[in-house]
């Protein structure tokens, strides 16, 4: 028996206002800080566009499929990783979307995983990871409040993983973690399609990036040898796998936003459960079910200085920390923690955490070739220098406010 674990992650950042729009704002109260730093108009525009193309049609389709197969011998099961900032924007701009996800939760066939609420790099701040744990707790509380169940499996921001992160996640009571099945982890005998253990003993699910990217990346490519990909063909590839578990993890926006509906992506997803169910050796699973059912096939070891992720060709932290500009901004964010928390102002704390969102650093990447094109595609600001100015000036402004609030600076 091979378990097939579908996992979709959805995230939207709170995009920063241009410096020119903040420069002459004058004195403001703490409860106005969000509007002072973040571009609500742009955030609403992007979210509603993506909701129309992806979130609504994809979620309604998957709910339909879950309900269609719910009372059969092989239930269709899926899982989601929804960042806190995604949930915040859904509440503000498209609250009906929350209702659809709640309908999915009510089926008992859908799992929601844990992560940092702010989709941040807090797991890389320091070995203690107090800020990381606080953000994870906030997210877990919100997921339980919305969907009735506290997350039991964790997926860190962009699948970032190392031994220390795994140990911190284990200490918080999670049963397992999802990360990328990077090639250098796979020794001659290893496959990503088993359950492994981290150095601390925490069970690890590895994303099968080749099969995941066949759907989430290569599907519309007419020059790909697998094009056009049918549900039957893909199910056949899964059935030819004799390992224990295939984790298919995709950016949710691949469905309809990055891969448009006219490519047939929704028709492919609609046909996939039936195609998979034709193979008796395949069965659907959620991450927690896979971890609870399957034995461990060995250990994986990722030193804290060799953090892996699912991003770019390197599959490390270089998508966010690969340039001096990114490293400078990251250090600015990290070093503000004590000052921000000393101010004892929940609004300041919230906007500082929103500035931690990984996208702000992702926009500053200066990579070349295809990875550089991807970073430019996702950038909210047009170029990395504009992204740096927005982030740096916002951080400087916030730090000054926090220092005045905590008494480090006077108002004079």
Protein backbone atom coordinates (compact mmCIF):
# COMPACT_ATOMS: atom_id res chain seq x y z
CA UNK A 1 0.00 0.00 0.00
CA UNK A 2 1.23 3.48 -0.91
CA UNK A 3 -0.33 6.47 0.83
CA UNK A 4 -0.85 9.61 -1.27
CA UNK A 5 -0.71 12.78 0.81
CA UNK A 6 -1.96 15.95 -0.89
CA UNK A 7 -0.82 19.15 0.80
CA UNK A 8 -1.56 22.69 -0.40
CA UNK A 9 -0.08 25.81 1.17
CA UNK A 10 -1.62 29.27 0.80
CA UNK A 11 -0.07 32.54 1.89
CA UNK A 12 -0.38 36.25 1.22
CA UNK A 13 1.95 38.90 2.70
CA UNK A 14 0.95 42.32 3.95
CA UNK A 15 2.71 44.48 1.34
CA UNK A 16 4.44 47.66 2.47
CA UNK A 17 3.48 51.16 1.41
CA UNK A 18 5.96 53.22 -0.58
CA UNK A 19 8.09 55.48 1.59
CA UNK A 20 6.65 58.58 -0.11
CA UNK A 21 3.18 57.68 1.15
CA UNK A 22 4.41 57.49 4.75
CA UNK A 23 6.95 60.31 4.91
CA UNK A 24 4.61 63.16 5.87
CA UNK A 25 2.05 61.23 7.91
CA UNK A 26 2.75 63.14 11.14
CA UNK A 27 2.11 61.83 14.62
CA UNK A 28 -0.07 58.73 14.75
CA UNK A 29 -1.40 56.48 17.50
CA UNK A 30 -0.34 52.85 17.85
CA UNK A 31 -3.66 51.53 16.58
CA UNK A 32 -2.98 53.35 13.29
CA UNK A 33 0.37 51.67 12.68
CA UNK A 34 -0.96 49.00 10.34
CA UNK A 35 -2.42 51.60 7.97
CA UNK A 36 0.76 53.66 8.33
CA UNK A 37 3.02 50.85 7.07
CA UNK A 38 0.94 48.56 4.88
CA UNK A 39 -0.82 49.02 1.55
CA UNK A 40 -4.36 47.85 2.20
CA UNK A 41 -5.49 48.85 -1.30
CA UNK A 42 -2.80 46.73 -2.99
CA UNK A 43 -3.35 43.82 -0.61
CA UNK A 44 -7.10 43.84 -1.32
CA UNK A 45 -6.53 44.07 -5.07
CA UNK A 46 -4.12 41.13 -5.14
CA UNK A 47 -6.13 38.95 -2.77
CA UNK A 48 -9.40 39.43 -4.62
CA UNK A 49 -7.75 38.73 -7.98
CA UNK A 50 -6.19 35.51 -6.71
CA UNK A 51 -9.39 34.55 -4.89
CA UNK A 52 -11.33 34.82 -8.15
CA UNK A 53 -8.80 32.80 -10.15
CA UNK A 54 -7.67 30.29 -7.53
CA UNK A 55 -8.97 30.31 -3.96
CA UNK A 56 -12.68 30.09 -4.70
CA UNK A 57 -12.67 27.70 -7.68
CA UNK A 58 -9.95 25.45 -6.23
CA UNK A 59 -11.43 25.23 -2.73
CA UNK A 60 -14.96 24.67 -3.98
CA UNK A 61 -13.72 21.96 -6.33
CA UNK A 62 -11.75 20.18 -3.62
CA UNK A 63 -14.68 20.41 -1.22
CA UNK A 64 -16.90 18.89 -3.89
CA UNK A 65 -14.43 16.03 -4.37
CA UNK A 66 -14.08 15.41 -0.64
CA UNK A 67 -17.88 15.22 -0.26
CA UNK A 68 -18.22 13.06 -3.37
CA UNK A 69 -15.85 10.42 -1.99
CA UNK A 70 -16.61 10.83 1.71
CA UNK A 71 -18.87 7.77 2.02
CA UNK A 72 -16.76 5.48 -0.17
CA UNK A 73 -14.18 2.85 0.76
CA UNK A 74 -11.39 5.23 -0.19
CA UNK A 75 -12.11 8.73 1.04
CA UNK A 76 -10.39 11.60 -0.74
CA UNK A 77 -8.26 13.40 1.83
CA UNK A 78 -6.33 16.65 1.54
CA UNK A 79 -4.42 18.96 3.85
CA UNK A 80 -3.73 22.68 3.97
CA UNK A 81 -1.12 25.00 5.38
CA UNK A 82 -2.71 28.45 5.67
CA UNK A 83 -0.55 31.28 6.96
CA UNK A 84 -1.98 33.67 9.52
CA UNK A 85 -1.60 36.60 7.13
CA UNK A 86 -3.57 34.67 4.51
CA UNK A 87 -6.35 34.11 7.05
CA UNK A 88 -6.27 37.78 8.07
CA UNK A 89 -6.71 38.91 4.48
CA UNK A 90 -9.43 36.36 3.81
CA UNK A 91 -11.37 37.74 6.78
CA UNK A 92 -10.93 41.32 5.57
CA UNK A 93 -11.56 40.89 1.87
CA UNK A 94 -13.32 37.55 1.20
CA UNK A 95 -14.86 36.16 4.43
CA UNK A 96 -16.89 33.61 2.46
CA UNK A 97 -13.62 31.83 1.75
CA UNK A 98 -13.17 31.13 5.46
CA UNK A 99 -16.64 29.59 5.47
CA UNK A 100 -15.71 27.20 2.65
CA UNK A 101 -12.57 26.08 4.50
CA UNK A 102 -14.70 25.52 7.59
CA UNK A 103 -17.01 23.31 5.53
CA UNK A 104 -13.95 21.31 4.50
CA UNK A 105 -12.85 20.96 8.12
CA UNK A 106 -16.31 19.67 9.04
CA UNK A 107 -15.95 16.71 6.67
CA UNK A 108 -13.26 15.11 8.84
CA UNK A 109 -11.23 14.44 5.67
CA UNK A 110 -9.20 17.65 5.68
CA UNK A 111 -6.24 18.51 7.91
CA UNK A 112 -4.81 21.96 8.67
CA UNK A 113 -1.13 22.07 9.61
CA UNK A 114 0.77 24.41 11.89
CA UNK A 115 3.32 27.08 10.98
CA UNK A 116 4.48 30.52 12.07
CA UNK A 117 1.49 32.87 11.98
CA UNK A 118 3.48 35.52 10.10
CA UNK A 119 5.17 33.14 7.62
CA UNK A 120 8.45 34.40 9.02
CA UNK A 121 12.09 33.40 9.35
CA UNK A 122 11.86 33.49 13.16
CA UNK A 123 13.08 29.89 13.27
CA UNK A 124 16.48 31.22 12.19
CA UNK A 125 16.74 34.01 14.80
CA UNK A 126 18.55 32.09 17.55
CA UNK A 127 18.82 28.60 19.09
CA UNK A 128 16.24 29.38 21.80
CA UNK A 129 13.53 30.30 19.25
CA UNK A 130 11.21 32.03 21.70
CA UNK A 131 9.82 34.39 19.04
CA UNK A 132 9.36 31.42 16.71
CA UNK A 133 7.44 29.50 19.36
CA UNK A 134 5.22 32.48 20.14
CA UNK A 135 4.27 32.83 16.48
CA UNK A 136 3.58 29.10 16.18
CA UNK A 137 1.35 29.22 19.28
CA UNK A 138 -0.62 32.14 17.84
CA UNK A 139 -1.14 30.23 14.60
CA UNK A 140 -2.16 26.98 16.31
CA UNK A 141 -4.67 28.83 18.47
CA UNK A 142 -6.20 30.50 15.42
CA UNK A 143 -6.41 27.24 13.44
CA UNK A 144 -8.15 25.52 16.36
CA UNK A 145 -10.55 28.45 16.74
CA UNK A 146 -11.48 28.48 13.05
CA UNK A 147 -11.43 24.78 12.21
CA UNK A 148 -12.01 22.96 15.51
CA UNK A 149 -8.73 21.09 15.77
CA UNK A 150 -5.28 22.08 16.93
CA UNK A 151 -2.58 21.29 14.32
CA UNK A 152 -0.61 18.12 14.94
CA UNK A 153 1.87 18.33 12.04
CA UNK A 154 4.07 21.34 11.34
CA UNK A 155 5.25 22.91 8.10
CA UNK A 156 7.72 25.72 8.63
CA UNK A 157 7.88 28.78 6.40
CA UNK A 158 8.81 27.60 2.89
CA UNK A 159 9.58 24.15 4.36
CA UNK A 160 12.71 25.46 6.16
CA UNK A 161 14.17 22.66 8.26
CA UNK A 162 17.20 21.85 10.35
CA UNK A 163 17.91 19.81 13.47
CA UNK A 164 17.26 22.72 15.83
CA UNK A 165 13.95 23.66 14.22
CA UNK A 166 12.83 20.03 14.43
CA UNK A 167 13.72 19.90 18.14
CA UNK A 168 11.81 23.13 18.83
CA UNK A 169 8.78 21.81 16.94
CA UNK A 170 8.92 18.56 18.88
CA UNK A 171 9.10 20.47 22.18
CA UNK A 172 5.82 22.18 21.28
CA UNK A 173 4.01 18.86 21.01
CA UNK A 174 3.77 18.40 17.24
CA UNK A 175 3.76 14.82 15.99
CA UNK A 176 5.75 15.49 12.83
CA UNK A 177 7.09 18.00 10.34
CA UNK A 178 6.96 18.42 6.55
CA UNK A 179 10.02 19.50 4.59
CA UNK A 180 11.63 19.18 1.17
CA UNK A 181 13.06 15.91 -0.10
CA UNK A 182 16.30 17.57 -1.22
CA UNK A 183 18.65 15.42 -3.24
CA UNK A 184 21.63 15.57 -0.89
CA UNK A 185 19.53 14.06 1.92
CA UNK A 186 18.79 11.04 -0.24
CA UNK A 187 21.72 8.67 0.19
CA UNK A 188 22.02 5.83 -2.31
CA UNK A 189 19.28 3.79 -0.65
CA UNK A 190 16.96 6.60 0.38
CA UNK A 191 13.76 7.81 -1.26
CA UNK A 192 11.61 10.82 -0.28
CA UNK A 193 8.63 8.48 -0.16
CA UNK A 194 9.09 7.15 3.36
CA UNK A 195 8.69 8.56 6.87
CA UNK A 196 12.02 9.45 8.47
CA UNK A 197 13.11 10.78 11.85
CA UNK A 198 14.90 14.01 12.59
CA UNK A 199 17.97 13.92 14.82
CA UNK A 200 15.69 14.52 17.84
CA UNK A 201 13.34 11.68 16.83
CA UNK A 202 10.54 13.83 15.37
CA UNK A 203 8.91 12.10 12.36
CA UNK A 204 9.60 13.83 9.03
CA UNK A 205 7.52 13.80 5.85
CA UNK A 206 9.51 14.66 2.74
CA UNK A 207 7.97 16.43 -0.23
CA UNK A 208 8.43 14.52 -3.49
CA UNK A 209 9.43 17.58 -5.47
CA UNK A 210 9.58 15.84 -8.83
CA UNK A 211 5.99 14.62 -8.79
CA UNK A 212 4.77 17.76 -7.00
CA UNK A 213 6.35 19.97 -9.66
CA UNK A 214 4.84 17.87 -12.45
CA UNK A 215 1.50 19.32 -11.32
CA UNK A 216 2.47 22.64 -9.77
CA UNK A 217 5.09 23.76 -12.28
CA UNK A 218 5.41 21.66 -15.45
CA UNK A 219 1.73 20.96 -16.13
CA UNK A 220 1.18 23.82 -18.66
CA UNK A 221 4.59 23.48 -20.38
CA UNK A 222 3.98 22.34 -23.94
CA UNK A 223 7.69 21.59 -24.35
CA UNK A 224 7.68 19.17 -21.42
CA UNK A 225 7.86 15.54 -22.48
CA UNK A 226 4.97 14.74 -20.12
CA UNK A 227 2.60 17.27 -21.74
CA UNK A 228 -0.36 16.98 -21.90
CA UNK A 229 -0.56 15.34 -18.47
CA UNK A 230 -3.75 13.39 -17.81
CA UNK A 231 -5.06 12.26 -14.44
CA UNK A 232 -4.77 8.64 -15.60
CA UNK A 233 -1.11 9.05 -16.52
CA UNK A 234 -0.25 10.72 -13.22
CA UNK A 235 -2.13 8.07 -11.25
CA UNK A 236 -0.13 5.47 -13.15
CA UNK A 237 3.10 7.13 -12.08
CA UNK A 238 1.93 6.99 -8.46
CA UNK A 239 0.88 3.36 -8.82
CA UNK A 240 4.33 2.45 -10.12
CA UNK A 241 5.83 3.64 -6.84
CA UNK A 242 6.38 0.77 -4.39
CA UNK A 243 7.40 3.01 -1.48
CA UNK A 244 5.14 3.80 1.47
CA UNK A 245 4.06 7.44 1.09
CA UNK A 246 4.13 10.10 -1.62
CA UNK A 247 3.80 13.64 -0.29
CA UNK A 248 2.55 15.97 -3.03
CA UNK A 249 2.99 19.51 -1.73
CA UNK A 250 1.98 22.44 -3.93
CA UNK A 251 1.65 26.18 -3.76
CA UNK A 252 -2.15 26.53 -3.78
CA UNK A 253 -1.96 29.39 -6.27
CA UNK A 254 -0.68 26.96 -8.88
CA UNK A 255 -4.32 26.01 -9.31
CA UNK A 256 -5.76 28.80 -11.45
CA UNK A 257 -3.39 31.68 -10.69
CA UNK A 258 0.05 30.51 -11.85
CA UNK A 259 -1.45 27.80 -14.05
CA UNK A 260 -4.55 29.25 -15.65
CA UNK A 261 -7.86 27.44 -15.88
CA UNK A 262 -7.67 27.26 -19.69
CA UNK A 263 -4.73 24.84 -19.39
CA UNK A 264 -7.13 22.23 -18.01
CA UNK A 265 -5.64 22.24 -14.51
CA UNK A 266 -9.04 22.15 -12.78
CA UNK A 267 -10.25 19.34 -15.04
CA UNK A 268 -7.08 17.43 -14.15
CA UNK A 269 -7.69 17.87 -10.41
CA UNK A 270 -11.35 16.92 -10.81
CA UNK A 271 -10.43 13.62 -12.49
CA UNK A 272 -7.51 12.74 -10.22
CA UNK A 273 -9.27 11.08 -7.25
CA UNK A 274 -11.16 8.64 -9.48
CA UNK A 275 -8.02 7.89 -11.47
CA UNK A 276 -6.05 7.16 -8.30
CA UNK A 277 -8.82 5.00 -6.83
CA UNK A 278 -8.59 2.66 -9.82
CA UNK A 279 -5.29 1.42 -8.40
CA UNK A 280 -5.93 -0.80 -5.37
CA UNK A 281 -2.44 -0.21 -3.94
CA UNK A 282 -3.02 3.56 -3.59
CA UNK A 283 -4.85 5.26 -0.73
CA UNK A 284 -5.33 8.88 0.30
CA UNK A 285 -3.93 10.15 3.58
CA UNK A 286 -3.37 13.31 5.58
CA UNK A 287 0.08 14.06 7.06
CA UNK A 288 -0.91 13.06 10.59
CA UNK A 289 -2.46 9.79 9.38
CA UNK A 290 0.68 8.93 7.40
CA UNK A 291 2.92 9.60 10.41
CA UNK A 292 0.72 7.54 12.72
CA UNK A 293 0.36 4.60 10.33
CA UNK A 294 3.81 4.16 8.83
CA UNK A 295 7.10 2.97 10.33
CA UNK A 296 10.28 5.07 10.23
CA UNK A 297 12.75 4.22 7.47
CA UNK A 298 15.80 5.91 8.96
CA UNK A 299 17.14 9.26 10.14
CA UNK A 300 17.87 12.49 8.34
CA UNK A 301 20.40 14.96 9.70
CA UNK A 302 20.45 18.65 8.76
CA UNK A 303 22.91 20.79 10.67
CA UNK A 304 21.60 24.17 11.83
CA UNK A 305 24.05 25.87 9.44
CA UNK A 306 22.80 23.80 6.49
CA UNK A 307 19.10 24.68 6.66
CA UNK A 308 17.06 23.31 3.77
CA UNK A 309 13.91 24.71 2.15
CA UNK A 310 11.83 24.14 -0.94
CA UNK A 311 12.90 27.37 -2.69
CA UNK A 312 15.03 27.86 -5.81
CA UNK A 313 17.54 25.42 -7.24
CA UNK A 314 19.68 25.51 -4.09
CA UNK A 315 16.82 24.53 -1.79
CA UNK A 316 18.45 26.34 1.11
CA UNK A 317 17.99 29.81 2.68
CA UNK A 318 19.59 31.75 -0.19
CA UNK A 319 16.17 32.85 -1.50
CA UNK A 320 15.94 35.12 1.58
CA UNK A 321 19.50 35.46 2.87
CA UNK A 322 21.66 35.06 -0.22
CA UNK A 323 22.71 38.68 -0.66
CA UNK A 324 24.26 41.31 1.62
CA UNK A 325 21.13 43.44 1.27
CA UNK A 326 18.94 40.56 2.48
CA UNK A 327 21.29 39.74 5.35
CA UNK A 328 21.38 43.38 6.45
CA UNK A 329 17.57 43.60 6.50
CA UNK A 330 17.29 40.28 8.32
CA UNK A 331 19.71 41.47 11.03
CA UNK A 332 17.72 44.71 11.36
CA UNK A 333 14.54 42.74 11.96
CA UNK A 334 16.13 40.29 14.37
CA UNK A 335 17.93 42.90 16.49
CA UNK A 336 14.71 44.85 17.06
CA UNK A 337 13.12 42.09 19.13
CA UNK A 338 14.19 43.32 22.56
CA UNK A 339 13.28 46.95 21.79
CA UNK A 340 9.89 46.06 20.34
CA UNK A 341 8.95 43.83 23.25
CA UNK A 342 10.21 46.36 25.80
CA UNK A 343 7.74 48.89 24.34
CA UNK A 344 4.92 46.59 25.55
CA UNK A 345 2.63 47.73 22.74
CA UNK A 346 0.59 45.01 20.97
CA UNK A 347 0.20 47.11 17.81
CA UNK A 348 3.95 47.64 17.51
CA UNK A 349 4.56 43.95 18.13
CA UNK A 350 2.05 43.00 15.44
CA UNK A 351 3.47 45.25 12.72
CA UNK A 352 7.05 44.20 13.56
CA UNK A 353 5.99 40.59 13.09
CA UNK A 354 4.30 41.47 9.80
CA UNK A 355 7.62 42.94 8.66
CA UNK A 356 9.22 39.56 9.41
CA UNK A 357 7.13 37.88 6.70
CA UNK A 358 9.58 36.09 4.42
CA UNK A 359 8.26 37.77 1.26
CA UNK A 360 9.86 41.10 2.20
CA UNK A 361 13.30 39.46 2.07
CA UNK A 362 12.40 37.32 -0.95
CA UNK A 363 11.75 40.50 -2.96
CA UNK A 364 15.37 41.58 -2.31
CA UNK A 365 17.01 38.58 -4.02
CA UNK A 366 19.52 39.45 -6.73
CA UNK A 367 19.75 36.02 -8.34
CA UNK A 368 20.19 35.48 -12.08
CA UNK A 369 18.58 33.19 -14.66
CA UNK A 370 15.36 31.32 -13.90
CA UNK A 371 15.43 31.78 -10.13
CA UNK A 372 15.88 35.52 -10.60
CA UNK A 373 12.90 35.59 -12.94
CA UNK A 374 10.76 33.84 -10.32
CA UNK A 375 11.70 36.39 -7.65
CA UNK A 376 10.84 39.25 -10.04
CA UNK A 377 7.54 37.61 -10.91
CA UNK A 378 6.48 37.47 -7.25
CA UNK A 379 7.81 40.90 -6.30
CA UNK A 380 5.14 43.38 -5.26
CA UNK A 381 7.32 46.42 -5.96
CA UNK A 382 8.92 46.06 -9.39
CA UNK A 383 12.58 45.93 -8.34
CA UNK A 384 14.65 44.89 -5.36
CA UNK A 385 15.86 48.42 -4.56
CA UNK A 386 12.30 49.67 -4.09
CA UNK A 387 11.65 46.64 -1.91
CA UNK A 388 14.68 47.45 0.23
CA UNK A 389 13.71 51.11 0.63
CA UNK A 390 10.19 50.20 1.72
CA UNK A 391 11.38 47.61 4.24
CA UNK A 392 14.36 49.54 5.61
CA UNK A 393 12.49 52.82 6.09
CA UNK A 394 9.55 51.03 7.72
CA UNK A 395 11.88 49.20 10.11
CA UNK A 396 13.76 52.39 10.97
CA UNK A 397 10.54 54.27 11.62
CA UNK A 398 9.18 51.46 13.79
CA UNK A 399 12.41 51.11 15.75
CA UNK A 400 12.39 54.84 16.55
CA UNK A 401 8.79 54.64 17.74
CA UNK A 402 9.57 51.59 19.89
CA UNK A 403 12.63 53.27 21.41
CA UNK A 404 10.56 56.32 22.36
CA UNK A 405 7.80 54.12 23.79
CA UNK A 406 10.28 52.17 25.90
CA UNK A 407 12.12 55.31 27.06
CA UNK A 408 15.36 54.69 25.12
CA UNK A 409 14.74 57.89 23.10
CA UNK A 410 13.02 61.04 24.23
CA UNK A 411 10.31 62.73 22.17
CA UNK A 412 12.54 65.77 21.94
